[in-house]
Amino acid sequence: MKVDLHNHSYYSDGVFSPTEVVRLADEADCNLFALTDHDTTDGLAEAQQMADELSV
């Protein structure tokens, strides 16, 4: 089982969009994944939409 509970998008100190972060997690065969941007939840809806599309 692959788990990654510490991921940032460009909404805080990451460089990828929430969509790209979820795609990368899917490509890495992550079974459990969390988007953990600092001080914001702005990317969660976008990340959830992609996670639903990919069945992550």
PDB file of N, CA and C in Angstrom:
ATOM      1  N   MET A   1       0.846  -1.175   0.000  1.00  0.00           N
ATOM      2  CA  MET A   1       0.000   0.000   0.000  1.00  0.00           C
ATOM      3  C   MET A   1       0.895   1.243   0.000  1.00  0.00           C
ATOM      4  N   LYS A   2       0.607   2.163  -0.907  1.00  0.00           N
ATOM      5  CA  LYS A   2       1.344   3.427  -0.965  1.00  0.00           C
ATOM      6  C   LYS A   2       0.476   4.541  -0.396  1.00  0.00           C
ATOM      7  N   VAL A   3       1.065   5.294   0.522  1.00  0.00           N
ATOM      8  CA  VAL A   3       0.368   6.390   1.181  1.00  0.00           C
ATOM      9  C   VAL A   3       1.244   7.639   1.106  1.00  0.00           C
ATOM     10  N   ASP A   4       0.654   8.767   0.732  1.00  0.00           N
ATOM     11  CA  ASP A   4       1.369  10.040   0.707  1.00  0.00           C
ATOM     12  C   ASP A   4       0.448  11.110   1.277  1.00  0.00           C
ATOM     13  N   LEU A   5       0.720  11.513   2.509  1.00  0.00           N
ATOM     14  CA  LEU A   5      -0.172  12.424   3.220  1.00  0.00           C
ATOM     15  C   LEU A   5       0.369  13.847   3.330  1.00  0.00           C
ATOM     16  N   HIS A   6       1.365  14.190   2.510  1.00  0.00           N
ATOM     17  CA  HIS A   6       1.929  15.546   2.583  1.00  0.00           C
ATOM     18  C   HIS A   6       2.244  16.023   1.176  1.00  0.00           C
ATOM     19  N   ASN A   7       1.284  16.707   0.554  1.00  0.00           N
ATOM     20  CA  ASN A   7       1.430  17.185  -0.822  1.00  0.00           C
ATOM     21  C   ASN A   7       0.921  18.609  -0.936  1.00  0.00           C
ATOM     22  N   HIS A   8       1.664  19.432  -1.667  1.00  0.00           N
ATOM     23  CA  HIS A   8       1.296  20.830  -1.861  1.00  0.00           C
ATOM     24  C   HIS A   8       1.096  21.119  -3.338  1.00  0.00           C
ATOM     25  N   SER A   9       0.142  21.979  -3.627  1.00  0.00           N
ATOM     26  CA  SER A   9      -0.072  22.473  -4.988  1.00  0.00           C
ATOM     27  C   SER A   9       0.448  23.906  -5.067  1.00  0.00           C
ATOM     28  N   TYR A  10       0.253  24.540  -6.215  1.00  0.00           N
ATOM     29  CA  TYR A  10       0.707  25.926  -6.346  1.00  0.00           C
ATOM     30  C   TYR A  10      -0.125  26.914  -5.527  1.00  0.00           C
ATOM     31  N   TYR A  11      -1.121  26.419  -4.817  1.00  0.00           N
ATOM     32  CA  TYR A  11      -1.868  27.294  -3.916  1.00  0.00           C
ATOM     33  C   TYR A  11      -1.082  27.599  -2.643  1.00  0.00           C
ATOM     34  N   SER A  12      -0.010  26.848  -2.392  1.00  0.00           N
ATOM     35  CA  SER A  12       0.890  27.203  -1.291  1.00  0.00           C
ATOM     36  C   SER A  12       2.315  27.115  -1.817  1.00  0.00           C
ATOM     37  N   ASP A  13       3.111  26.171  -1.356  1.00  0.00           N
ATOM     38  CA  ASP A  13       4.508  26.163  -1.793  1.00  0.00           C
ATOM     39  C   ASP A  13       4.850  25.044  -2.771  1.00  0.00           C
ATOM     40  N   GLY A  14       3.861  24.511  -3.464  1.00  0.00           N
ATOM     41  CA  GLY A  14       4.103  23.533  -4.523  1.00  0.00           C
ATOM     42  C   GLY A  14       4.209  24.210  -5.875  1.00  0.00           C
ATOM     43  N   VAL A  15       4.510  23.426  -6.901  1.00  0.00           N
ATOM     44  CA  VAL A  15       4.651  23.987  -8.250  1.00  0.00           C
ATOM     45  C   VAL A  15       3.586  23.471  -9.212  1.00  0.00           C
ATOM     46  N   PHE A  16       2.856  22.433  -8.840  1.00  0.00           N
ATOM     47  CA  PHE A  16       1.855  21.832  -9.715  1.00  0.00           C
ATOM     48  C   PHE A  16       0.447  22.253  -9.309  1.00  0.00           C
ATOM     49  N   SER A  17      -0.468  22.204 -10.269  1.00  0.00           N
ATOM     50  CA  SER A  17      -1.877  22.458  -9.961  1.00  0.00           C
ATOM     51  C   SER A  17      -2.418  21.289  -9.136  1.00  0.00           C
ATOM     52  N   PRO A  18      -3.537  21.476  -8.440  1.00  0.00           N
ATOM     53  CA  PRO A  18      -4.143  20.359  -7.724  1.00  0.00           C
ATOM     54  C   PRO A  18      -4.447  19.180  -8.655  1.00  0.00           C
ATOM     55  N   THR A  19      -4.892  19.462  -9.873  1.00  0.00           N
ATOM     56  CA  THR A  19      -5.150  18.402 -10.854  1.00  0.00           C
ATOM     57  C   THR A  19      -3.884  17.610 -11.137  1.00  0.00           C
ATOM     58  N   GLU A  20      -2.784  18.309 -11.352  1.00  0.00           N
ATOM     59  CA  GLU A  20      -1.518  17.631 -11.648  1.00  0.00           C
ATOM     60  C   GLU A  20      -1.021  16.828 -10.452  1.00  0.00           C
ATOM     61  N   VAL A  21      -1.212  17.350  -9.250  1.00  0.00           N
ATOM     62  CA  VAL A  21      -0.785  16.630  -8.048  1.00  0.00           C
ATOM     63  C   VAL A  21      -1.541  15.307  -7.927  1.00  0.00           C
ATOM     64  N   VAL A  22      -2.838  15.332  -8.172  1.00  0.00           N
ATOM     65  CA  VAL A  22      -3.636  14.103  -8.106  1.00  0.00           C
ATOM     66  C   VAL A  22      -3.217  13.137  -9.212  1.00  0.00           C
ATOM     67  N   ARG A  23      -2.987  13.628 -10.407  1.00  0.00           N
ATOM     68  CA  ARG A  23      -2.530  12.756 -11.498  1.00  0.00           C
ATOM     69  C   ARG A  23      -1.201  12.097 -11.164  1.00  0.00           C
ATOM     70  N   LEU A  24      -0.278  12.854 -10.575  1.00  0.00           N
ATOM     71  CA  LEU A  24       1.014  12.285 -10.183  1.00  0.00           C
ATOM     72  C   LEU A  24       0.834  11.204  -9.121  1.00  0.00           C
ATOM     73  N   ALA A  25      -0.050  11.431  -8.174  1.00  0.00           N
ATOM     74  CA  ALA A  25      -0.326  10.413  -7.153  1.00  0.00           C
ATOM     75  C   ALA A  25      -0.902   9.160  -7.792  1.00  0.00           C
ATOM     76  N   ASP A  26      -1.802   9.335  -8.742  1.00  0.00           N
ATOM     77  CA  ASP A  26      -2.391   8.196  -9.449  1.00  0.00           C
ATOM     78  C   ASP A  26      -1.329   7.440 -10.240  1.00  0.00           C
ATOM     79  N   GLU A  27      -0.469   8.166 -10.936  1.00  0.00           N
ATOM     80  CA  GLU A  27       0.599   7.530 -11.716  1.00  0.00           C
ATOM     81  C   GLU A  27       1.573   6.772 -10.825  1.00  0.00           C
ATOM     82  N   ALA A  28       1.729   7.222  -9.576  1.00  0.00           N
ATOM     83  CA  ALA A  28       2.608   6.549  -8.621  1.00  0.00           C
ATOM     84  C   ALA A  28       1.892   5.422  -7.883  1.00  0.00           C
ATOM     85  N   ASP A  29       0.650   5.131  -8.288  1.00  0.00           N
ATOM     86  CA  ASP A  29      -0.165   4.075  -7.676  1.00  0.00           C
ATOM     87  C   ASP A  29      -0.389   4.285  -6.182  1.00  0.00           C
ATOM     88  N   CYS A  30      -0.606   5.539  -5.784  1.00  0.00           N
ATOM     89  CA  CYS A  30      -0.915   5.843  -4.385  1.00  0.00           C
ATOM     90  C   CYS A  30      -2.304   5.315  -4.048  1.00  0.00           C
ATOM     91  N   ASN A  31      -2.403   4.640  -2.914  1.00  0.00           N
ATOM     92  CA  ASN A  31      -3.690   4.148  -2.438  1.00  0.00           C
ATOM     93  C   ASN A  31      -4.390   5.162  -1.539  1.00  0.00           C
ATOM     94  N   LEU A  32      -3.611   6.002  -0.898  1.00  0.00           N
ATOM     95  CA  LEU A  32      -4.138   7.020   0.003  1.00  0.00           C
ATOM     96  C   LEU A  32      -3.319   8.278  -0.197  1.00  0.00           C
ATOM     97  N   PHE A  33      -4.012   9.405  -0.332  1.00  0.00           N
ATOM     98  CA  PHE A  33      -3.369  10.642  -0.747  1.00  0.00           C
ATOM     99  C   PHE A  33      -4.046  11.822  -0.064  1.00  0.00           C
ATOM    100  N   ALA A  34      -3.259  12.838   0.300  1.00  0.00           N
ATOM    101  CA  ALA A  34      -3.838  14.056   0.878  1.00  0.00           C
ATOM    102  C   ALA A  34      -3.184  15.283   0.263  1.00  0.00           C
ATOM    103  N   LEU A  35      -3.991  16.282  -0.022  1.00  0.00           N
ATOM    104  CA  LEU A  35      -3.495  17.585  -0.450  1.00  0.00           C
ATOM    105  C   LEU A  35      -3.422  18.455   0.800  1.00  0.00           C
ATOM    106  N   THR A  36      -2.235  18.951   1.124  1.00  0.00           N
ATOM    107  CA  THR A  36      -2.024  19.637   2.404  1.00  0.00           C
ATOM    108  C   THR A  36      -1.427  21.024   2.208  1.00  0.00           C
ATOM    109  N   ASP A  37      -2.055  21.826   1.367  1.00  0.00           N
ATOM    110  CA  ASP A  37      -1.576  23.191   1.162  1.00  0.00           C
ATOM    111  C   ASP A  37      -1.650  23.988   2.463  1.00  0.00           C
ATOM    112  N   HIS A  38      -0.715  24.928   2.621  1.00  0.00           N
ATOM    113  CA  HIS A  38      -0.656  25.766   3.818  1.00  0.00           C
ATOM    114  C   HIS A  38      -1.707  26.871   3.774  1.00  0.00           C
ATOM    115  N   ASP A  39      -2.475  26.986   4.841  1.00  0.00           N
ATOM    116  CA  ASP A  39      -3.380  28.114   5.073  1.00  0.00           C
ATOM    117  C   ASP A  39      -4.450  28.325   4.005  1.00  0.00           C
ATOM    118  N   THR A  40      -4.798  27.284   3.255  1.00  0.00           N
ATOM    119  CA  THR A  40      -5.833  27.439   2.240  1.00  0.00           C
ATOM    120  C   THR A  40      -6.451  26.092   1.891  1.00  0.00           C
ATOM    121  N   THR A  41      -7.695  26.140   1.495  1.00  0.00           N
ATOM    122  CA  THR A  41      -8.371  24.958   0.955  1.00  0.00           C
ATOM    123  C   THR A  41      -8.798  25.213  -0.488  1.00  0.00           C
ATOM    124  N   ASP A  42      -8.236  26.248  -1.107  1.00  0.00           N
ATOM    125  CA  ASP A  42      -8.652  26.662  -2.450  1.00  0.00           C
ATOM    126  C   ASP A  42      -8.531  25.566  -3.508  1.00  0.00           C
ATOM    127  N   GLY A  43      -7.590  24.657  -3.374  1.00  0.00           N
ATOM    128  CA  GLY A  43      -7.393  23.634  -4.392  1.00  0.00           C
ATOM    129  C   GLY A  43      -8.158  22.344  -4.176  1.00  0.00           C
ATOM    130  N   LEU A  44      -8.881  22.237  -3.070  1.00  0.00           N
ATOM    131  CA  LEU A  44      -9.522  20.960  -2.742  1.00  0.00           C
ATOM    132  C   LEU A  44     -10.609  20.543  -3.723  1.00  0.00           C
ATOM    133  N   ALA A  45     -11.447  21.464  -4.157  1.00  0.00           N
ATOM    134  CA  ALA A  45     -12.521  21.101  -5.092  1.00  0.00           C
ATOM    135  C   ALA A  45     -11.940  20.595  -6.406  1.00  0.00           C
ATOM    136  N   GLU A  46     -10.914  21.268  -6.899  1.00  0.00           N
ATOM    137  CA  GLU A  46     -10.254  20.836  -8.138  1.00  0.00           C
ATOM    138  C   GLU A  46      -9.613  19.462  -7.961  1.00  0.00           C
ATOM    139  N   ALA A  47      -8.929  19.261  -6.833  1.00  0.00           N
ATOM    140  CA  ALA A  47      -8.296  17.971  -6.561  1.00  0.00           C
ATOM    141  C   ALA A  47      -9.344  16.869  -6.439  1.00  0.00           C
ATOM    142  N   GLN A  48     -10.454  17.151  -5.762  1.00  0.00           N
ATOM    143  CA  GLN A  48     -11.518  16.156  -5.597  1.00  0.00           C
ATOM    144  C   GLN A  48     -12.132  15.777  -6.928  1.00  0.00           C
ATOM    145  N   GLN A  49     -12.330  16.763  -7.797  1.00  0.00           N
ATOM    146  CA  GLN A  49     -12.895  16.476  -9.118  1.00  0.00           C
ATOM    147  C   GLN A  49     -11.992  15.522  -9.893  1.00  0.00           C
ATOM    148  N   MET A  50     -10.688  15.769  -9.879  1.00  0.00           N
ATOM    149  CA  MET A  50      -9.764  14.890 -10.600  1.00  0.00           C
ATOM    150  C   MET A  50      -9.695  13.524  -9.933  1.00  0.00           C
ATOM    151  N   ALA A  51      -9.698  13.492  -8.610  1.00  0.00           N
ATOM    152  CA  ALA A  51      -9.673  12.211  -7.900  1.00  0.00           C
ATOM    153  C   ALA A  51     -10.900  11.380  -8.255  1.00  0.00           C
ATOM    154  N   ASP A  52     -12.053  12.017  -8.349  1.00  0.00           N
ATOM    155  CA  ASP A  52     -13.273  11.307  -8.740  1.00  0.00           C
ATOM    156  C   ASP A  52     -13.168  10.776 -10.166  1.00  0.00           C
ATOM    157  N   GLU A  53     -12.637  11.595 -11.073  1.00  0.00           N
ATOM    158  CA  GLU A  53     -12.488  11.169 -12.471  1.00  0.00           C
ATOM    159  C   GLU A  53     -11.547   9.977 -12.604  1.00  0.00           C
ATOM    160  N   LEU A  54     -10.488   9.958 -11.783  1.00  0.00           N
ATOM    161  CA  LEU A  54      -9.495   8.882 -11.855  1.00  0.00           C
ATOM    162  C   LEU A  54      -9.809   7.728 -10.914  1.00  0.00           C
ATOM    163  N   SER A  55     -10.853   7.873 -10.105  1.00  0.00           N
ATOM    164  CA  SER A  55     -11.205   6.882  -9.076  1.00  0.00           C
ATOM    165  C   SER A  55     -10.058   6.653  -8.104  1.00  0.00           C
ATOM    166  N   VAL A  56      -9.461   7.748  -7.688  1.00  0.00           N
ATOM    167  CA  VAL A  56      -8.368   7.686  -6.698  1.00  0.00           C
ATOM    168  C   VAL A  56      -8.976   7.795  -5.322  1.00  0.00           C
TER     169      VAL A  56
END
